[in-house]
N, C-alpha and C. Protein backbone atom coordinates (compact mmCIF):
# COMPACT_ATOMS: atom_id res chain seq x y z
N UNK A 1 105.37 149.37 105.53
CA UNK A 1 105.29 148.40 106.55
C UNK A 1 105.42 146.76 106.30
N UNK A 2 105.48 146.01 107.58
CA UNK A 2 106.13 145.06 107.87
C UNK A 2 104.66 143.89 107.79
N UNK A 3 104.97 143.08 106.71
CA UNK A 3 103.66 141.89 107.40
C UNK A 3 104.30 140.82 108.26
N UNK A 4 103.30 140.56 108.76
CA UNK A 4 103.80 139.44 110.04
C UNK A 4 103.89 138.41 108.76
N UNK A 5 104.74 136.89 109.78
CA UNK A 5 104.65 135.92 108.54
C UNK A 5 104.56 134.65 109.44
N UNK A 6 103.20 134.30 107.99
CA UNK A 6 101.67 132.94 108.92
C UNK A 6 103.09 132.18 108.37
N UNK A 7 103.28 131.23 109.29
CA UNK A 7 103.68 129.47 109.26
C UNK A 7 102.66 128.88 109.22
N UNK A 8 102.70 128.04 107.90
CA UNK A 8 101.87 127.23 107.59
C UNK A 8 102.70 125.36 107.02
N UNK A 9 101.74 124.61 107.84
CA UNK A 9 102.02 123.44 107.13
C UNK A 9 101.30 122.75 106.52
N UNK A 10 101.71 122.07 105.46
CA UNK A 10 100.63 121.68 104.28
C UNK A 10 101.03 119.86 104.37
N UNK A 11 100.53 119.56 103.94
CA UNK A 11 100.47 117.62 103.86
C UNK A 11 100.34 116.98 102.05
N UNK A 12 101.26 116.42 101.68
CA UNK A 12 101.49 116.15 100.41
C UNK A 12 100.79 114.57 100.45
N UNK A 13 99.98 114.56 100.05
CA UNK A 13 99.04 112.94 100.85
C UNK A 13 99.05 112.18 98.92
N UNK A 14 99.85 110.91 99.25
CA UNK A 14 100.13 110.25 98.56
C UNK A 14 99.57 108.76 98.79
N UNK A 15 99.02 108.29 97.26
CA UNK A 15 97.99 107.23 97.42
C UNK A 15 99.35 105.79 97.54
N UNK A 16 98.28 104.68 98.28
CA UNK A 16 99.61 103.69 98.35
C UNK A 16 100.62 103.64 97.36
N UNK A 17 100.15 103.66 95.49
CA UNK A 17 101.22 103.27 95.27
C UNK A 17 102.32 104.80 95.03
N UNK A 18 101.99 105.24 95.71
CA UNK A 18 102.66 106.95 95.70
C UNK A 18 102.76 107.39 93.96
N UNK A 19 101.81 107.46 93.31
CA UNK A 19 101.75 108.01 92.11
C UNK A 19 100.48 109.16 91.73
N UNK A 20 99.73 109.02 92.66
CA UNK A 20 98.59 110.42 92.76
C UNK A 20 98.60 111.24 93.93
N UNK A 21 98.48 112.09 94.45
CA UNK A 21 98.27 112.96 95.72
C UNK A 21 96.84 113.20 95.54
N UNK A 22 96.24 113.81 97.30
CA UNK A 22 94.98 114.19 97.02
C UNK A 22 95.21 115.54 97.27
N UNK A 23 94.64 116.13 96.40
CA UNK A 23 94.00 117.97 96.40
C UNK A 23 92.80 118.18 96.56
N UNK A 24 92.79 119.55 97.15
CA UNK A 24 91.75 120.25 97.46
C UNK A 24 91.51 121.83 96.91
N UNK A 25 90.26 122.01 96.92
CA UNK A 25 90.16 123.66 96.11
C UNK A 25 90.15 124.64 97.48
N UNK A 26 90.44 125.41 96.92
CA UNK A 26 89.84 126.72 98.41
C UNK A 26 88.43 126.87 97.68
N UNK A 27 88.26 127.71 99.19
CA UNK A 27 86.72 128.26 99.00
C UNK A 27 87.16 129.55 97.84
N UNK A 28 86.07 130.30 97.50
CA UNK A 28 86.26 131.26 96.61
C UNK A 28 86.70 132.32 97.42
N UNK A 29 86.11 132.34 98.89
CA UNK A 29 85.95 133.69 99.42
C UNK A 29 87.45 133.57 100.13
N UNK A 30 87.86 132.55 100.31
CA UNK A 30 89.30 132.81 100.84
C UNK A 30 90.44 132.99 100.04
N UNK A 31 91.44 133.16 100.86
CA UNK A 31 92.72 134.01 100.50
C UNK A 31 93.48 132.97 99.07
N UNK A 32 93.61 133.63 97.90
CA UNK A 32 94.07 132.81 96.92
C UNK A 32 92.76 131.99 96.37
N UNK A 33 91.57 132.12 96.70
CA UNK A 33 90.37 130.94 96.40
C UNK A 33 90.53 130.46 95.23
N UNK A 34 90.11 129.69 95.05
CA UNK A 34 89.66 128.66 93.86
C UNK A 34 90.46 127.83 93.03
N UNK A 35 92.06 128.22 93.96
CA UNK A 35 93.14 127.60 93.59
C UNK A 35 92.86 125.86 94.11
N UNK A 36 93.74 125.41 93.77
CA UNK A 36 93.92 123.85 94.06
C UNK A 36 94.96 124.21 94.96
N UNK A 37 94.94 123.20 96.52
CA UNK A 37 96.04 123.29 97.14
C UNK A 37 96.39 121.81 97.98
N UNK A 38 97.61 121.71 98.59
CA UNK A 38 98.14 120.33 99.08
C UNK A 38 97.31 120.88 101.08
N UNK A 39 96.51 120.11 101.44
CA UNK A 39 96.05 120.19 102.69
C UNK A 39 96.71 120.70 103.66
N UNK A 40 95.81 121.70 104.13
CA UNK A 40 97.10 122.44 105.79
C UNK A 40 96.29 123.32 106.25
N UNK A 41 97.57 123.97 107.44
CA UNK A 41 97.06 125.01 107.60
C UNK A 41 98.12 125.54 108.48
N UNK A 42 97.51 127.03 109.55
CA UNK A 42 98.55 127.30 110.60
C UNK A 42 98.97 126.74 111.53
N UNK A 43 100.28 126.81 111.98
CA UNK A 43 101.17 126.10 112.41
C UNK A 43 100.33 126.90 114.11
N UNK A 44 99.88 126.32 115.15
CA UNK A 44 99.47 127.30 115.91
C UNK A 44 100.84 127.09 117.12
N UNK A 45 100.72 128.08 117.95
CA UNK A 45 101.72 128.81 118.96
C UNK A 45 101.82 127.22 119.90
N UNK A 46 102.99 126.77 120.11
CA UNK A 46 103.28 125.62 120.79
C UNK A 46 103.20 124.06 119.79
N UNK A 47 103.09 124.35 118.83
CA UNK A 47 103.01 123.49 117.73
C UNK A 47 103.98 123.32 117.27
N UNK A 48 104.55 121.99 116.74
CA UNK A 48 105.48 122.02 115.41
C UNK A 48 104.84 121.64 114.23
N UNK A 49 105.79 122.23 113.22
CA UNK A 49 105.03 121.81 111.68
C UNK A 49 104.42 120.25 111.40
N UNK A 50 104.98 119.32 112.11
CA UNK A 50 104.68 117.93 111.86
C UNK A 50 103.27 117.85 112.89
N UNK A 51 103.02 118.24 114.00
CA UNK A 51 102.17 118.33 114.97
C UNK A 51 100.90 119.39 114.46
N UNK A 52 101.68 120.40 113.17
CA UNK A 52 100.01 120.89 112.63
C UNK A 52 99.80 120.21 112.04
N UNK A 53 100.61 119.42 110.76
CA UNK A 53 100.08 118.72 109.86
C UNK A 53 99.11 117.72 110.12
N UNK A 54 99.77 117.34 111.08
CA UNK A 54 98.85 115.49 111.48
C UNK A 54 97.31 116.48 111.88
N UNK A 55 97.10 117.79 112.56
CA UNK A 55 95.76 118.09 112.79
C UNK A 55 95.18 118.43 112.08
N UNK A 56 95.86 119.25 111.07
CA UNK A 56 95.22 120.05 109.82
C UNK A 56 94.62 118.99 109.11
N UNK A 57 95.21 117.98 108.92
CA UNK A 57 94.81 116.94 107.78
C UNK A 57 93.63 115.56 108.35
N UNK A 58 93.72 115.77 109.70
CA UNK A 58 92.22 115.27 110.07
C UNK A 58 91.06 116.25 109.89
N UNK A 59 91.45 117.59 110.75
CA UNK A 59 90.27 118.85 110.29
C UNK A 59 89.71 118.42 109.22
N UNK A 60 90.72 119.26 107.76
CA UNK A 60 90.46 119.36 106.68
C UNK A 60 89.72 117.90 105.89
N UNK A 61 90.56 116.80 106.08
CA UNK A 61 90.07 115.89 105.14
C UNK A 61 90.26 114.42 105.57
N UNK A 62 89.97 114.69 106.89
CA UNK A 62 89.53 113.41 107.69
C UNK A 62 90.33 112.25 107.33
N UNK A 63 92.08 112.26 107.54
CA UNK A 63 92.94 110.84 107.51
C UNK A 63 93.70 111.93 108.70
N UNK A 64 94.24 110.26 109.20
CA UNK A 64 95.58 110.29 110.34
C UNK A 64 96.79 109.84 110.00
N UNK A 65 97.70 111.08 109.63
CA UNK A 65 98.51 110.79 108.82
C UNK A 65 99.74 109.72 109.92
N UNK A 66 99.93 108.67 109.68
CA UNK A 66 100.85 108.01 110.42
C UNK A 66 102.50 107.94 109.67
N UNK A 67 102.91 108.15 108.74
CA UNK A 67 104.22 108.22 108.41
C UNK A 67 104.43 109.38 107.44
N UNK A 68 105.03 110.31 108.06
CA UNK A 68 105.84 111.86 107.43
C UNK A 68 106.93 111.71 107.08
N UNK A 69 107.45 112.27 105.98
CA UNK A 69 108.49 113.02 105.44
C UNK A 69 109.08 114.50 104.92
N UNK A 70 109.74 115.20 105.75
CA UNK A 70 109.83 116.54 105.63
C UNK A 70 110.26 116.54 103.69
N UNK A 71 109.39 117.51 103.11
CA UNK A 71 109.64 117.41 101.89
C UNK A 71 110.50 118.53 101.51
N UNK A 72 109.80 119.88 102.15
CA UNK A 72 110.14 120.89 101.31
C UNK A 72 110.07 122.29 102.27
N UNK A 73 111.11 123.50 102.68
CA UNK A 73 110.35 124.63 103.17
C UNK A 73 110.76 125.16 102.76
N UNK A 74 109.54 126.73 102.50
CA UNK A 74 110.05 127.80 101.95
C UNK A 74 109.28 128.95 102.02
N UNK A 75 109.51 129.85 101.60
CA UNK A 75 109.38 131.23 102.28
C UNK A 75 108.50 131.85 101.02
N UNK A 76 106.64 132.48 100.83
CA UNK A 76 106.52 133.12 99.61
C UNK A 76 106.10 134.89 100.21
N UNK A 77 105.90 136.00 99.51
CA UNK A 77 105.16 136.61 99.74
C UNK A 77 104.37 137.13 99.11
N UNK A 78 102.98 137.50 99.00
CA UNK A 78 101.56 137.57 98.48
C UNK A 78 101.62 138.93 98.96
N UNK A 79 101.11 140.55 97.67
CA UNK A 79 101.11 141.39 97.64
C UNK A 79 100.26 141.59 99.70
N UNK A 80 99.33 140.97 99.74
CA UNK A 80 99.21 141.40 101.35
C UNK A 80 99.21 140.07 102.11
N UNK A 81 100.05 139.38 102.07
CA UNK A 81 100.46 138.19 102.55
C UNK A 81 101.90 137.89 102.76
N UNK A 82 102.41 137.36 104.04
CA UNK A 82 104.18 136.70 104.01
C UNK A 82 103.39 135.51 104.16
N UNK A 83 104.16 134.04 104.19
CA UNK A 83 103.86 133.21 104.05
C UNK A 83 105.28 132.30 104.86
N UNK A 84 105.18 131.48 105.57
CA UNK A 84 106.83 130.76 105.69
C UNK A 84 105.87 128.72 105.48
N UNK A 85 106.35 128.29 104.79
CA UNK A 85 105.52 126.75 104.45
C UNK A 85 106.65 125.87 104.76
N UNK A 86 106.16 124.53 105.32
CA UNK A 86 106.62 123.01 105.81
C UNK A 86 105.95 122.26 104.82
N UNK A 87 106.56 121.82 104.24
CA UNK A 87 105.69 120.92 103.01
C UNK A 87 106.26 118.96 103.63
N UNK A 88 105.06 118.33 103.70
CA UNK A 88 105.26 116.93 104.32
C UNK A 88 104.71 115.71 102.79
N UNK A 89 105.84 115.36 102.80
CA UNK A 89 104.69 114.13 102.11
C UNK A 89 103.83 112.81 103.10
N UNK A 90 103.14 112.96 102.90
CA UNK A 90 101.96 111.96 103.83
C UNK A 90 102.41 110.44 102.91
N UNK A 91 103.03 109.40 103.67
CA UNK A 91 103.47 108.33 102.72
C UNK A 91 102.38 107.37 103.05
N UNK A 92 101.97 107.35 104.53
CA UNK A 92 100.76 106.19 104.53
C UNK A 92 99.89 107.28 105.95
N UNK A 93 98.72 106.86 105.46
CA UNK A 93 97.74 107.27 106.77
C UNK A 93 96.52 105.87 106.79
N UNK A 94 95.79 106.60 107.90
CA UNK A 94 94.51 106.00 108.13
C UNK A 94 93.62 106.76 107.89
N UNK A 95 92.24 106.01 107.58
CA UNK A 95 91.39 106.95 106.95
C UNK A 95 90.92 107.08 105.06
N UNK A 96 89.65 107.45 104.93
CA UNK A 96 89.87 107.61 103.47
C UNK A 96 89.67 109.27 103.49
N UNK A 97 90.41 109.73 102.49
CA UNK A 97 90.42 111.55 102.33
C UNK A 97 89.48 112.11 101.20
N UNK A 98 88.60 112.49 102.01
CA UNK A 98 87.66 113.60 101.33
C UNK A 98 87.57 114.91 101.91
N UNK A 99 86.70 115.99 100.89
CA UNK A 99 86.46 117.16 101.66
C UNK A 99 85.78 117.54 103.01
N UNK A 100 86.28 117.09 104.00
CA UNK A 100 86.05 117.05 105.58
C UNK A 100 84.74 118.78 105.58
N UNK A 101 85.55 119.82 104.97
CA UNK A 101 84.96 121.06 105.28
C UNK A 101 84.12 121.23 104.07
N UNK A 102 83.54 120.22 103.24
CA UNK A 102 82.50 120.42 102.05
C UNK A 102 83.66 120.85 100.98
N UNK A 103 84.96 120.76 100.88
CA UNK A 103 85.43 121.15 99.39
C UNK A 103 85.78 119.90 98.66
N UNK A 104 85.93 120.53 97.52
CA UNK A 104 86.33 119.61 96.71
C UNK A 104 87.79 118.82 96.59
N UNK A 105 87.62 117.85 96.58
CA UNK A 105 89.11 117.03 96.29
C UNK A 105 88.49 116.29 95.54
N UNK A 106 90.60 115.78 95.05
CA UNK A 106 90.27 114.79 94.06
C UNK A 106 91.40 114.35 94.27
N UNK A 107 91.73 113.07 94.02
CA UNK A 107 92.85 112.06 93.88
C UNK A 107 93.61 112.35 92.39
N UNK A 108 94.69 112.90 92.45
CA UNK A 108 95.33 113.43 91.01
C UNK A 108 96.51 112.59 91.08
N UNK A 109 97.44 112.24 89.36
CA UNK A 109 97.93 111.52 88.98
C UNK A 109 99.15 112.75 88.92
N UNK A 110 100.52 112.42 89.34
CA UNK A 110 101.88 113.52 89.87
C UNK A 110 101.31 113.92 88.18
N UNK A 111 101.88 113.21 87.14
CA UNK A 111 102.32 113.54 85.74
C UNK A 111 101.14 114.95 85.64
N UNK A 112 99.75 115.22 85.70
CA UNK A 112 98.64 115.58 86.13
C UNK A 112 98.44 116.75 86.55
N UNK A 113 99.38 116.87 87.73
CA UNK A 113 98.75 118.35 88.51
C UNK A 113 99.36 119.57 88.00
N UNK A 114 100.09 120.06 86.61
CA UNK A 114 100.51 120.76 86.12
C UNK A 114 98.47 121.26 85.13
N UNK A 115 97.69 120.47 85.31
CA UNK A 115 96.46 120.89 84.95
C UNK A 115 95.54 121.62 85.72
N UNK A 116 96.57 121.66 86.94
CA UNK A 116 95.82 122.46 87.96
C UNK A 116 96.50 123.54 88.55
N UNK A 117 95.17 124.53 88.61
CA UNK A 117 96.48 126.10 88.85
C UNK A 117 96.18 126.10 90.40
N UNK A 118 97.16 126.19 90.67
CA UNK A 118 97.65 126.57 92.53
C UNK A 118 98.31 127.38 92.42
N UNK A 119 98.17 128.26 93.85
CA UNK A 119 98.83 129.38 94.08
C UNK A 119 100.24 129.52 93.56
N UNK A 120 100.79 130.74 93.59
CA UNK A 120 102.29 130.92 92.95
C UNK A 120 103.31 130.25 93.68
N UNK A 121 103.13 130.56 95.37
CA UNK A 121 103.80 129.93 96.08
C UNK A 121 103.95 128.12 96.08
N UNK A 122 103.20 127.25 95.38
CA UNK A 122 103.74 125.95 95.25
C UNK A 122 104.26 125.82 94.31
N UNK A 123 104.94 126.83 93.56
CA UNK A 123 105.47 126.68 91.93
C UNK A 123 106.72 125.43 92.21
N UNK A 124 107.58 126.11 93.34
CA UNK A 124 108.77 124.96 93.74
C UNK A 124 108.16 123.88 94.00
N UNK A 125 107.25 123.89 95.04
CA UNK A 125 106.73 122.22 95.58
C UNK A 125 106.36 121.17 94.30
N UNK A 126 105.82 122.10 93.12
CA UNK A 126 104.86 121.06 92.34
C UNK A 126 106.52 120.45 91.19
N UNK A 127 106.78 121.52 91.28
CA UNK A 127 108.12 121.40 90.33
C UNK A 127 108.96 119.89 90.40
N UNK A 128 109.46 120.38 92.26
CA UNK A 128 109.52 118.40 92.67
C UNK A 128 109.00 117.69 92.29
N UNK A 129 107.87 118.14 93.00
CA UNK A 129 107.10 116.58 93.24
C UNK A 129 107.09 116.01 91.61
N UNK A 130 106.67 116.71 90.55
CA UNK A 130 107.27 116.39 89.09
C UNK A 130 108.17 115.77 88.68
N UNK A 131 109.54 116.05 89.73
CA UNK A 131 110.62 114.94 89.37
C UNK A 131 111.13 113.92 90.11
N UNK A 132 109.80 113.80 91.50
CA UNK A 132 109.73 112.11 91.66
C UNK A 132 109.61 111.05 90.98
């Protein structure tokens, strides 16, 4: 049985000095629950990945992204889901990032990201971020 590939757009929110990122923890009952992630979500019909990440960042963490740079695209298959990702560096935004949906959120130094458990789909992203 072929799984339909779901398109996800996520934002790697950088602080003004670009030495920290804002991450959130997935709800325990969600797919890959309990893991940390970069905020984002599904790209809706008629949206570009960039439009989706701007919308999702406002909905999830309360910021208006004003400067984005495409960082990486990848595909990852879990046993129960097939995903396609577009990750964007969020270099500037208005507002204060927080877990708008009640999820925990933290500003983390790039060098400390390895201390947080992320879904396997994020391995290549984390490796590239650590090299920045």
